[in-house]
Amino acid sequence: MTHDSLRLEVAYALPDRQRLIALIVDAHCTVLEAVHRSGILAEFPEIDLEHGKLGIWGKVVTSPETMQLRDGDRIEIYRPLLIDPKVVRQARADTQTIKLKRFR
């Protein structure tokens, strides 16, 4: 590897399957270019980069088409949420409240 290249990982996970692809790209590669070069889109055709979100080490990238990468970055492809976490927490709290009222 030269100083003009970067070592990266591209990660994607489903509930029952996950994939982590290591690759080497040129130093001027963007987040979006690295995802395309990884070949992960052929393996998971359901990935929708136009509407989905990408991140680096757990932080969402707002402009993946222009953001430059650093050596050692892990690009994460996020799946859309099926249920809003706030709704799930509220439903759980409501269930707990009902259980508590029954035992009083």
PDB file of N, CA and C in Angstrom:
ATOM      1  N   MET A   1       0.847  -1.182   0.000  1.00  0.00           N
ATOM      2  CA  MET A   1       0.000   0.000   0.000  1.00  0.00           C
ATOM      3  C   MET A   1       0.887   1.238   0.000  1.00  0.00           C
ATOM      4  N   THR A   2       0.494   2.245  -0.759  1.00  0.00           N
ATOM      5  CA  THR A   2       1.254   3.490  -0.826  1.00  0.00           C
ATOM      6  C   THR A   2       0.538   4.570  -0.042  1.00  0.00           C
ATOM      7  N   HIS A   3       1.178   5.730   0.070  1.00  0.00           N
ATOM      8  CA  HIS A   3       0.543   6.849   0.771  1.00  0.00           C
ATOM      9  C   HIS A   3      -0.599   7.448  -0.045  1.00  0.00           C
ATOM     10  N   ASP A   4      -0.752   6.994  -1.281  1.00  0.00           N
ATOM     11  CA  ASP A   4      -1.840   7.463  -2.139  1.00  0.00           C
ATOM     12  C   ASP A   4      -3.057   6.551  -2.079  1.00  0.00           C
ATOM     13  N   SER A   5      -3.058   5.596  -1.152  1.00  0.00           N
ATOM     14  CA  SER A   5      -4.187   4.679  -1.046  1.00  0.00           C
ATOM     15  C   SER A   5      -4.634   4.552   0.411  1.00  0.00           C
ATOM     16  N   LEU A   6      -5.881   4.108   0.575  1.00  0.00           N
ATOM     17  CA  LEU A   6      -6.497   3.977   1.894  1.00  0.00           C
ATOM     18  C   LEU A   6      -7.036   2.564   2.069  1.00  0.00           C
ATOM     19  N   ARG A   7      -6.922   2.041   3.277  1.00  0.00           N
ATOM     20  CA  ARG A   7      -7.549   0.766   3.620  1.00  0.00           C
ATOM     21  C   ARG A   7      -8.877   1.074   4.294  1.00  0.00           C
ATOM     22  N   LEU A   8      -9.952   0.487   3.785  1.00  0.00           N
ATOM     23  CA  LEU A   8     -11.298   0.753   4.286  1.00  0.00           C
ATOM     24  C   LEU A   8     -12.056  -0.545   4.490  1.00  0.00           C
ATOM     25  N   GLU A   9     -13.200  -0.410   5.146  1.00  0.00           N
ATOM     26  CA  GLU A   9     -14.156  -1.505   5.242  1.00  0.00           C
ATOM     27  C   GLU A   9     -15.535  -0.942   4.916  1.00  0.00           C
ATOM     28  N   VAL A  10     -16.346  -1.754   4.260  1.00  0.00           N
ATOM     29  CA  VAL A  10     -17.737  -1.405   3.989  1.00  0.00           C
ATOM     30  C   VAL A  10     -18.587  -2.468   4.671  1.00  0.00           C
ATOM     31  N   ALA A  11     -19.522  -2.019   5.519  1.00  0.00           N
ATOM     32  CA  ALA A  11     -20.326  -2.946   6.322  1.00  0.00           C
ATOM     33  C   ALA A  11     -21.807  -2.782   6.026  1.00  0.00           C
ATOM     34  N   TYR A  12     -22.497  -3.929   5.998  1.00  0.00           N
ATOM     35  CA  TYR A  12     -23.951  -3.948   5.838  1.00  0.00           C
ATOM     36  C   TYR A  12     -24.475  -5.149   6.612  1.00  0.00           C
ATOM     37  N   ALA A  13     -25.596  -4.973   7.307  1.00  0.00           N
ATOM     38  CA  ALA A  13     -26.134  -6.078   8.106  1.00  0.00           C
ATOM     39  C   ALA A  13     -27.640  -6.172   7.959  1.00  0.00           C
ATOM     40  N   LEU A  14     -28.086  -7.406   7.864  1.00  0.00           N
ATOM     41  CA  LEU A  14     -29.505  -7.752   7.929  1.00  0.00           C
ATOM     42  C   LEU A  14     -29.712  -8.485   9.249  1.00  0.00           C
ATOM     43  N   PRO A  15     -30.938  -8.705   9.677  1.00  0.00           N
ATOM     44  CA  PRO A  15     -31.141  -9.411  10.940  1.00  0.00           C
ATOM     45  C   PRO A  15     -30.478 -10.798  10.987  1.00  0.00           C
ATOM     46  N   ASP A  16     -30.394 -11.470   9.847  1.00  0.00           N
ATOM     47  CA  ASP A  16     -29.858 -12.828   9.833  1.00  0.00           C
ATOM     48  C   ASP A  16     -28.534 -12.968   9.084  1.00  0.00           C
ATOM     49  N   ARG A  17     -27.994 -11.875   8.578  1.00  0.00           N
ATOM     50  CA  ARG A  17     -26.793 -11.957   7.748  1.00  0.00           C
ATOM     51  C   ARG A  17     -26.071 -10.624   7.766  1.00  0.00           C
ATOM     52  N   GLN A  18     -24.738 -10.683   7.795  1.00  0.00           N
ATOM     53  CA  GLN A  18     -23.968  -9.449   7.738  1.00  0.00           C
ATOM     54  C   GLN A  18     -22.763  -9.634   6.830  1.00  0.00           C
ATOM     55  N   ARG A  19     -22.249  -8.525   6.358  1.00  0.00           N
ATOM     56  CA  ARG A  19     -21.100  -8.586   5.440  1.00  0.00           C
ATOM     57  C   ARG A  19     -20.185  -7.416   5.731  1.00  0.00           C
ATOM     58  N   LEU A  20     -18.890  -7.692   5.819  1.00  0.00           N
ATOM     59  CA  LEU A  20     -17.856  -6.689   6.013  1.00  0.00           C
ATOM     60  C   LEU A  20     -16.826  -6.904   4.919  1.00  0.00           C
ATOM     61  N   ILE A  21     -16.671  -5.917   4.060  1.00  0.00           N
ATOM     62  CA  ILE A  21     -15.774  -6.041   2.911  1.00  0.00           C
ATOM     63  C   ILE A  21     -14.599  -5.090   3.099  1.00  0.00           C
ATOM     64  N   ALA A  22     -13.392  -5.635   3.084  1.00  0.00           N
ATOM     65  CA  ALA A  22     -12.178  -4.826   3.159  1.00  0.00           C
ATOM     66  C   ALA A  22     -11.737  -4.488   1.738  1.00  0.00           C
ATOM     67  N   LEU A  23     -11.296  -3.254   1.542  1.00  0.00           N
ATOM     68  CA  LEU A  23     -10.814  -2.863   0.227  1.00  0.00           C
ATOM     69  C   LEU A  23      -9.784  -1.759   0.347  1.00  0.00           C
ATOM     70  N   ILE A  24      -9.030  -1.592  -0.715  1.00  0.00           N
ATOM     71  CA  ILE A  24      -8.046  -0.518  -0.803  1.00  0.00           C
ATOM     72  C   ILE A  24      -8.470   0.377  -1.956  1.00  0.00           C
ATOM     73  N   VAL A  25      -8.537   1.681  -1.674  1.00  0.00           N
ATOM     74  CA  VAL A  25      -8.961   2.655  -2.682  1.00  0.00           C
ATOM     75  C   VAL A  25      -7.931   3.782  -2.742  1.00  0.00           C
ATOM     76  N   ASP A  26      -8.029   4.605  -3.785  1.00  0.00           N
ATOM     77  CA  ASP A  26      -7.118   5.737  -3.870  1.00  0.00           C
ATOM     78  C   ASP A  26      -7.479   6.787  -2.820  1.00  0.00           C
ATOM     79  N   ALA A  27      -6.537   7.608  -2.477  1.00  0.00           N
ATOM     80  CA  ALA A  27      -6.677   8.552  -1.373  1.00  0.00           C
ATOM     81  C   ALA A  27      -7.759   9.612  -1.592  1.00  0.00           C
ATOM     82  N   HIS A  28      -8.204   9.787  -2.804  1.00  0.00           N
ATOM     83  CA  HIS A  28      -9.210  10.817  -3.089  1.00  0.00           C
ATOM     84  C   HIS A  28     -10.607  10.234  -3.270  1.00  0.00           C
ATOM     85  N   CYS A  29     -10.790   9.009  -2.884  1.00  0.00           N
ATOM     86  CA  CYS A  29     -12.075   8.316  -3.025  1.00  0.00           C
ATOM     87  C   CYS A  29     -13.094   8.893  -2.038  1.00  0.00           C
ATOM     88  N   THR A  30     -14.326   9.018  -2.491  1.00  0.00           N
ATOM     89  CA  THR A  30     -15.401   9.483  -1.611  1.00  0.00           C
ATOM     90  C   THR A  30     -16.126   8.285  -1.005  1.00  0.00           C
ATOM     91  N   VAL A  31     -16.977   8.564  -0.040  1.00  0.00           N
ATOM     92  CA  VAL A  31     -17.752   7.514   0.618  1.00  0.00           C
ATOM     93  C   VAL A  31     -18.592   6.752  -0.408  1.00  0.00           C
ATOM     94  N   LEU A  32     -19.303   7.471  -1.236  1.00  0.00           N
ATOM     95  CA  LEU A  32     -20.180   6.833  -2.220  1.00  0.00           C
ATOM     96  C   LEU A  32     -19.382   5.992  -3.224  1.00  0.00           C
ATOM     97  N   GLU A  33     -18.252   6.515  -3.688  1.00  0.00           N
ATOM     98  CA  GLU A  33     -17.418   5.759  -4.629  1.00  0.00           C
ATOM     99  C   GLU A  33     -16.926   4.458  -3.992  1.00  0.00           C
ATOM    100  N   ALA A  34     -16.535   4.516  -2.727  1.00  0.00           N
ATOM    101  CA  ALA A  34     -16.033   3.319  -2.043  1.00  0.00           C
ATOM    102  C   ALA A  34     -17.114   2.251  -1.933  1.00  0.00           C
ATOM    103  N   VAL A  35     -18.341   2.662  -1.655  1.00  0.00           N
ATOM    104  CA  VAL A  35     -19.440   1.694  -1.574  1.00  0.00           C
ATOM    105  C   VAL A  35     -19.607   1.000  -2.931  1.00  0.00           C
ATOM    106  N   HIS A  36     -19.585   1.770  -3.995  1.00  0.00           N
ATOM    107  CA  HIS A  36     -19.722   1.185  -5.332  1.00  0.00           C
ATOM    108  C   HIS A  36     -18.554   0.247  -5.644  1.00  0.00           C
ATOM    109  N   ARG A  37     -17.346   0.655  -5.304  1.00  0.00           N
ATOM    110  CA  ARG A  37     -16.160  -0.166  -5.591  1.00  0.00           C
ATOM    111  C   ARG A  37     -16.119  -1.444  -4.771  1.00  0.00           C
ATOM    112  N   SER A  38     -16.775  -1.462  -3.629  1.00  0.00           N
ATOM    113  CA  SER A  38     -16.741  -2.639  -2.755  1.00  0.00           C
ATOM    114  C   SER A  38     -17.461  -3.844  -3.360  1.00  0.00           C
ATOM    115  N   GLY A  39     -18.405  -3.604  -4.269  1.00  0.00           N
ATOM    116  CA  GLY A  39     -19.181  -4.683  -4.865  1.00  0.00           C
ATOM    117  C   GLY A  39     -20.345  -5.144  -4.001  1.00  0.00           C
ATOM    118  N   ILE A  40     -20.585  -4.468  -2.904  1.00  0.00           N
ATOM    119  CA  ILE A  40     -21.643  -4.889  -1.979  1.00  0.00           C
ATOM    120  C   ILE A  40     -23.037  -4.744  -2.584  1.00  0.00           C
ATOM    121  N   LEU A  41     -23.188  -3.824  -3.532  1.00  0.00           N
ATOM    122  CA  LEU A  41     -24.505  -3.618  -4.157  1.00  0.00           C
ATOM    123  C   LEU A  41     -24.917  -4.824  -5.006  1.00  0.00           C
ATOM    124  N   ALA A  42     -23.956  -5.538  -5.551  1.00  0.00           N
ATOM    125  CA  ALA A  42     -24.283  -6.751  -6.316  1.00  0.00           C
ATOM    126  C   ALA A  42     -24.714  -7.874  -5.385  1.00  0.00           C
ATOM    127  N   GLU A  43     -24.143  -7.893  -4.190  1.00  0.00           N
ATOM    128  CA  GLU A  43     -24.470  -8.929  -3.216  1.00  0.00           C
ATOM    129  C   GLU A  43     -25.804  -8.664  -2.510  1.00  0.00           C
ATOM    130  N   PHE A  44     -26.127  -7.394  -2.327  1.00  0.00           N
ATOM    131  CA  PHE A  44     -27.372  -6.988  -1.665  1.00  0.00           C
ATOM    132  C   PHE A  44     -28.113  -5.994  -2.566  1.00  0.00           C
ATOM    133  N   PRO A  45     -28.810  -6.465  -3.579  1.00  0.00           N
ATOM    134  CA  PRO A  45     -29.463  -5.556  -4.530  1.00  0.00           C
ATOM    135  C   PRO A  45     -30.571  -4.713  -3.903  1.00  0.00           C
ATOM    136  N   GLU A  46     -31.023  -5.061  -2.706  1.00  0.00           N
ATOM    137  CA  GLU A  46     -32.076  -4.279  -2.048  1.00  0.00           C
ATOM    138  C   GLU A  46     -31.569  -2.963  -1.462  1.00  0.00           C
ATOM    139  N   ILE A  47     -30.251  -2.771  -1.413  1.00  0.00           N
ATOM    140  CA  ILE A  47     -29.704  -1.524  -0.872  1.00  0.00           C
ATOM    141  C   ILE A  47     -30.106  -0.371  -1.777  1.00  0.00           C
ATOM    142  N   ASP A  48     -30.694   0.657  -1.170  1.00  0.00           N
ATOM    143  CA  ASP A  48     -31.149   1.840  -1.907  1.00  0.00           C
ATOM    144  C   ASP A  48     -30.322   3.039  -1.449  1.00  0.00           C
ATOM    145  N   LEU A  49     -29.236   3.321  -2.169  1.00  0.00           N
ATOM    146  CA  LEU A  49     -28.350   4.413  -1.770  1.00  0.00           C
ATOM    147  C   LEU A  49     -28.987   5.783  -1.949  1.00  0.00           C
ATOM    148  N   GLU A  50     -29.972   5.880  -2.817  1.00  0.00           N
ATOM    149  CA  GLU A  50     -30.622   7.168  -3.046  1.00  0.00           C
ATOM    150  C   GLU A  50     -31.453   7.604  -1.834  1.00  0.00           C
ATOM    151  N   HIS A  51     -32.082   6.649  -1.162  1.00  0.00           N
ATOM    152  CA  HIS A  51     -32.935   6.985  -0.016  1.00  0.00           C
ATOM    153  C   HIS A  51     -32.354   6.526   1.316  1.00  0.00           C
ATOM    154  N   GLY A  52     -31.367   5.637   1.282  1.00  0.00           N
ATOM    155  CA  GLY A  52     -30.761   5.141   2.502  1.00  0.00           C
ATOM    156  C   GLY A  52     -29.690   6.079   3.023  1.00  0.00           C
ATOM    157  N   LYS A  53     -29.165   5.749   4.174  1.00  0.00           N
ATOM    158  CA  LYS A  53     -28.126   6.577   4.779  1.00  0.00           C
ATOM    159  C   LYS A  53     -26.842   5.780   4.902  1.00  0.00           C
ATOM    160  N   LEU A  54     -25.734   6.520   4.835  1.00  0.00           N
ATOM    161  CA  LEU A  54     -24.412   5.947   5.014  1.00  0.00           C
ATOM    162  C   LEU A  54     -23.762   6.622   6.203  1.00  0.00           C
ATOM    163  N   GLY A  55     -22.870   5.914   6.850  1.00  0.00           N
ATOM    164  CA  GLY A  55     -22.166   6.487   7.982  1.00  0.00           C
ATOM    165  C   GLY A  55     -20.744   5.990   8.044  1.00  0.00           C
ATOM    166  N   ILE A  56     -19.954   6.642   8.878  1.00  0.00           N
ATOM    167  CA  ILE A  56     -18.591   6.219   9.154  1.00  0.00           C
ATOM    168  C   ILE A  56     -18.468   6.080  10.653  1.00  0.00           C
ATOM    169  N   TRP A  57     -18.157   4.868  11.089  1.00  0.00           N
ATOM    170  CA  TRP A  57     -18.011   4.566  12.515  1.00  0.00           C
ATOM    171  C   TRP A  57     -19.194   5.062  13.334  1.00  0.00           C
ATOM    172  N   GLY A  58     -20.412   4.828  12.856  1.00  0.00           N
ATOM    173  CA  GLY A  58     -21.618   5.140  13.621  1.00  0.00           C
ATOM    174  C   GLY A  58     -22.127   6.560  13.489  1.00  0.00           C
ATOM    175  N   LYS A  59     -21.506   7.369  12.675  1.00  0.00           N
ATOM    176  CA  LYS A  59     -21.965   8.748  12.482  1.00  0.00           C
ATOM    177  C   LYS A  59     -22.428   8.927  11.045  1.00  0.00           C
ATOM    178  N   VAL A  60     -23.646   9.413  10.889  1.00  0.00           N
ATOM    179  CA  VAL A  60     -24.228   9.575   9.554  1.00  0.00           C
ATOM    180  C   VAL A  60     -23.434  10.597   8.754  1.00  0.00           C
ATOM    181  N   VAL A  61     -23.202  10.271   7.487  1.00  0.00           N
ATOM    182  CA  VAL A  61     -22.516  11.153   6.552  1.00  0.00           C
ATOM    183  C   VAL A  61     -23.579  11.915   5.770  1.00  0.00           C
ATOM    184  N   THR A  62     -23.530  13.237   5.805  1.00  0.00           N
ATOM    185  CA  THR A  62     -24.559  14.034   5.133  1.00  0.00           C
ATOM    186  C   THR A  62     -24.315  14.184   3.634  1.00  0.00           C
ATOM    187  N   SER A  63     -23.069  14.117   3.193  1.00  0.00           N
ATOM    188  CA  SER A  63     -22.751  14.256   1.759  1.00  0.00           C
ATOM    189  C   SER A  63     -21.800  13.149   1.313  1.00  0.00           C
ATOM    190  N   PRO A  64     -22.312  11.926   1.177  1.00  0.00           N
ATOM    191  CA  PRO A  64     -21.417  10.819   0.816  1.00  0.00           C
ATOM    192  C   PRO A  64     -20.787  10.960  -0.565  1.00  0.00           C
ATOM    193  N   GLU A  65     -21.403  11.746  -1.440  1.00  0.00           N
ATOM    194  CA  GLU A  65     -20.853  11.911  -2.782  1.00  0.00           C
ATOM    195  C   GLU A  65     -19.645  12.844  -2.812  1.00  0.00           C
ATOM    196  N   THR A  66     -19.404  13.600  -1.746  1.00  0.00           N
ATOM    197  CA  THR A  66     -18.258  14.509  -1.713  1.00  0.00           C
ATOM    198  C   THR A  66     -17.318  14.272  -0.537  1.00  0.00           C
ATOM    199  N   MET A  67     -17.765  13.556   0.494  1.00  0.00           N
ATOM    200  CA  MET A  67     -16.930  13.382   1.683  1.00  0.00           C
ATOM    201  C   MET A  67     -15.744  12.474   1.407  1.00  0.00           C
ATOM    202  N   GLN A  68     -14.558  12.992   1.716  1.00  0.00           N
ATOM    203  CA  GLN A  68     -13.332  12.234   1.547  1.00  0.00           C
ATOM    204  C   GLN A  68     -13.154  11.278   2.719  1.00  0.00           C
ATOM    205  N   LEU A  69     -12.471  10.193   2.465  1.00  0.00           N
ATOM    206  CA  LEU A  69     -12.246   9.156   3.476  1.00  0.00           C
ATOM    207  C   LEU A  69     -10.848   9.264   4.069  1.00  0.00           C
ATOM    208  N   ARG A  70     -10.680   8.597   5.219  1.00  0.00           N
ATOM    209  CA  ARG A  70      -9.370   8.502   5.856  1.00  0.00           C
ATOM    210  C   ARG A  70      -9.010   7.027   6.003  1.00  0.00           C
ATOM    211  N   ASP A  71      -7.726   6.767   6.082  1.00  0.00           N
ATOM    212  CA  ASP A  71      -7.267   5.394   6.228  1.00  0.00           C
ATOM    213  C   ASP A  71      -7.891   4.773   7.477  1.00  0.00           C
ATOM    214  N   GLY A  72      -8.425   3.569   7.325  1.00  0.00           N
ATOM    215  CA  GLY A  72      -9.017   2.855   8.447  1.00  0.00           C
ATOM    216  C   GLY A  72     -10.498   3.103   8.659  1.00  0.00           C
ATOM    217  N   ASP A  73     -11.121   3.945   7.845  1.00  0.00           N
ATOM    218  CA  ASP A  73     -12.553   4.210   8.001  1.00  0.00           C
ATOM    219  C   ASP A  73     -13.375   2.950   7.744  1.00  0.00           C
ATOM    220  N   ARG A  74     -14.481   2.850   8.467  1.00  0.00           N
ATOM    221  CA  ARG A  74     -15.464   1.786   8.205  1.00  0.00           C
ATOM    222  C   ARG A  74     -16.753   2.463   7.768  1.00  0.00           C
ATOM    223  N   ILE A  75     -17.123   2.248   6.524  1.00  0.00           N
ATOM    224  CA  ILE A  75     -18.357   2.808   5.973  1.00  0.00           C
ATOM    225  C   ILE A  75     -19.485   1.850   6.312  1.00  0.00           C
ATOM    226  N   GLU A  76     -20.556   2.382   6.867  1.00  0.00           N
ATOM    227  CA  GLU A  76     -21.707   1.564   7.247  1.00  0.00           C
ATOM    228  C   GLU A  76     -22.905   1.958   6.404  1.00  0.00           C
ATOM    229  N   ILE A  77     -23.600   0.970   5.891  1.00  0.00           N
ATOM    230  CA  ILE A  77     -24.811   1.196   5.110  1.00  0.00           C
ATOM    231  C   ILE A  77     -25.980   0.888   6.030  1.00  0.00           C
ATOM    232  N   TYR A  78     -26.801   1.893   6.282  1.00  0.00           N
ATOM    233  CA  TYR A  78     -27.906   1.742   7.221  1.00  0.00           C
ATOM    234  C   TYR A  78     -29.194   1.381   6.493  1.00  0.00           C
ATOM    235  N   ARG A  79     -29.932   0.446   7.096  1.00  0.00           N
ATOM    236  CA  ARG A  79     -31.247   0.079   6.571  1.00  0.00           C
ATOM    237  C   ARG A  79     -32.274   1.054   7.133  1.00  0.00           C
ATOM    238  N   PRO A  80     -33.364   1.300   6.399  1.00  0.00           N
ATOM    239  CA  PRO A  80     -34.408   2.181   6.942  1.00  0.00           C
ATOM    240  C   PRO A  80     -35.091   1.523   8.137  1.00  0.00           C
ATOM    241  N   LEU A  81     -35.508   2.336   9.081  1.00  0.00           N
ATOM    242  CA  LEU A  81     -36.222   1.815  10.250  1.00  0.00           C
ATOM    243  C   LEU A  81     -37.633   1.430   9.846  1.00  0.00           C
ATOM    244  N   LEU A  82     -38.067   0.271  10.303  1.00  0.00           N
ATOM    245  CA  LEU A  82     -39.427  -0.164  10.022  1.00  0.00           C
ATOM    246  C   LEU A  82     -40.415   0.474  10.991  1.00  0.00           C
ATOM    247  N   ILE A  83     -39.959   0.684  12.225  1.00  0.00           N
ATOM    248  CA  ILE A  83     -40.796   1.305  13.255  1.00  0.00           C
ATOM    249  C   ILE A  83     -39.961   2.371  13.947  1.00  0.00           C
ATOM    250  N   ASP A  84     -40.548   3.507  14.176  1.00  0.00           N
ATOM    251  CA  ASP A  84     -39.869   4.595  14.867  1.00  0.00           C
ATOM    252  C   ASP A  84     -39.551   4.158  16.302  1.00  0.00           C
ATOM    253  N   PRO A  85     -38.296   4.269  16.740  1.00  0.00           N
ATOM    254  CA  PRO A  85     -37.933   3.852  18.100  1.00  0.00           C
ATOM    255  C   PRO A  85     -38.733   4.574  19.186  1.00  0.00           C
ATOM    256  N   LYS A  86     -39.140   5.800  18.930  1.00  0.00           N
ATOM    257  CA  LYS A  86     -39.948   6.535  19.912  1.00  0.00           C
ATOM    258  C   LYS A  86     -41.308   5.855  20.110  1.00  0.00           C
ATOM    259  N   VAL A  87     -41.891   5.374  19.028  1.00  0.00           N
ATOM    260  CA  VAL A  87     -43.178   4.682  19.101  1.00  0.00           C
ATOM    261  C   VAL A  87     -43.031   3.388  19.893  1.00  0.00           C
ATOM    262  N   VAL A  88     -41.941   2.657  19.656  1.00  0.00           N
ATOM    263  CA  VAL A  88     -41.701   1.404  20.370  1.00  0.00           C
ATOM    264  C   VAL A  88     -41.540   1.668  21.864  1.00  0.00           C
ATOM    265  N   ARG A  89     -40.759   2.682  22.223  1.00  0.00           N
ATOM    266  CA  ARG A  89     -40.570   3.013  23.643  1.00  0.00           C
ATOM    267  C   ARG A  89     -41.874   3.418  24.299  1.00  0.00           C
ATOM    268  N   GLN A  90     -42.691   4.208  23.584  1.00  0.00           N
ATOM    269  CA  GLN A  90     -43.975   4.637  24.141  1.00  0.00           C
ATOM    270  C   GLN A  90     -44.901   3.445  24.349  1.00  0.00           C
ATOM    271  N   ALA A  91     -44.930   2.527  23.401  1.00  0.00           N
ATOM    272  CA  ALA A  91     -45.772   1.335  23.535  1.00  0.00           C
ATOM    273  C   ALA A  91     -45.307   0.488  24.715  1.00  0.00           C
ATOM    274  N   ARG A  92     -44.002   0.364  24.883  1.00  0.00           N
ATOM    275  CA  ARG A  92     -43.471  -0.393  26.009  1.00  0.00           C
ATOM    276  C   ARG A  92     -43.859   0.270  27.333  1.00  0.00           C
ATOM    277  N   ALA A  93     -43.746   1.586  27.390  1.00  0.00           N
ATOM    278  CA  ALA A  93     -44.122   2.314  28.608  1.00  0.00           C
ATOM    279  C   ALA A  93     -45.607   2.167  28.897  1.00  0.00           C
ATOM    280  N   ASP A  94     -46.431   2.239  27.858  1.00  0.00           N
ATOM    281  CA  ASP A  94     -47.875   2.066  28.037  1.00  0.00           C
ATOM    282  C   ASP A  94     -48.204   0.675  28.573  1.00  0.00           C
ATOM    283  N   THR A  95     -47.529  -0.342  28.058  1.00  0.00           N
ATOM    284  CA  THR A  95     -47.737  -1.711  28.520  1.00  0.00           C
ATOM    285  C   THR A  95     -47.354  -1.850  29.987  1.00  0.00           C
ATOM    286  N   GLN A  96     -46.252  -1.247  30.373  1.00  0.00           N
ATOM    287  CA  GLN A  96     -45.817  -1.304  31.770  1.00  0.00           C
ATOM    288  C   GLN A  96     -46.819  -0.603  32.686  1.00  0.00           C
ATOM    289  N   THR A  97     -47.371   0.516  32.227  1.00  0.00           N
ATOM    290  CA  THR A  97     -48.361   1.246  33.014  1.00  0.00           C
ATOM    291  C   THR A  97     -49.610   0.398  33.230  1.00  0.00           C
ATOM    292  N   ILE A  98     -50.057  -0.271  32.204  1.00  0.00           N
ATOM    293  CA  ILE A  98     -51.239  -1.146  32.310  1.00  0.00           C
ATOM    294  C   ILE A  98     -50.971  -2.286  33.292  1.00  0.00           C
ATOM    295  N   LYS A  99     -49.793  -2.895  33.222  1.00  0.00           N
ATOM    296  CA  LYS A  99     -49.437  -3.989  34.145  1.00  0.00           C
ATOM    297  C   LYS A  99     -49.420  -3.487  35.583  1.00  0.00           C
ATOM    298  N   LEU A 100     -48.874  -2.302  35.823  1.00  0.00           N
ATOM    299  CA  LEU A 100     -48.811  -1.758  37.166  1.00  0.00           C
ATOM    300  C   LEU A 100     -50.196  -1.478  37.724  1.00  0.00           C
ATOM    301  N   LYS A 101     -51.088  -0.997  36.891  1.00  0.00           N
ATOM    302  CA  LYS A 101     -52.465  -0.686  37.346  1.00  0.00           C
ATOM    303  C   LYS A 101     -53.198  -1.964  37.716  1.00  0.00           C
ATOM    304  N   ARG A 102     -52.930  -3.072  37.057  1.00  0.00           N
ATOM    305  CA  ARG A 102     -53.595  -4.338  37.358  1.00  0.00           C
ATOM    306  C   ARG A 102     -53.214  -4.864  38.733  1.00  0.00           C
ATOM    307  N   PHE A 103     -51.999  -4.580  39.164  1.00  0.00           N
ATOM    308  CA  PHE A 103     -51.519  -5.128  40.423  1.00  0.00           C
ATOM    309  C   PHE A 103     -51.774  -4.185  41.605  1.00  0.00           C
ATOM    310  N   ARG A 104     -52.458  -3.131  41.427  1.00  0.00           N
ATOM    311  CA  ARG A 104     -52.745  -2.200  42.530  1.00  0.00           C
ATOM    312  C   ARG A 104     -54.043  -2.522  43.174  1.00  0.00           C
TER     313      ARG A 104
END
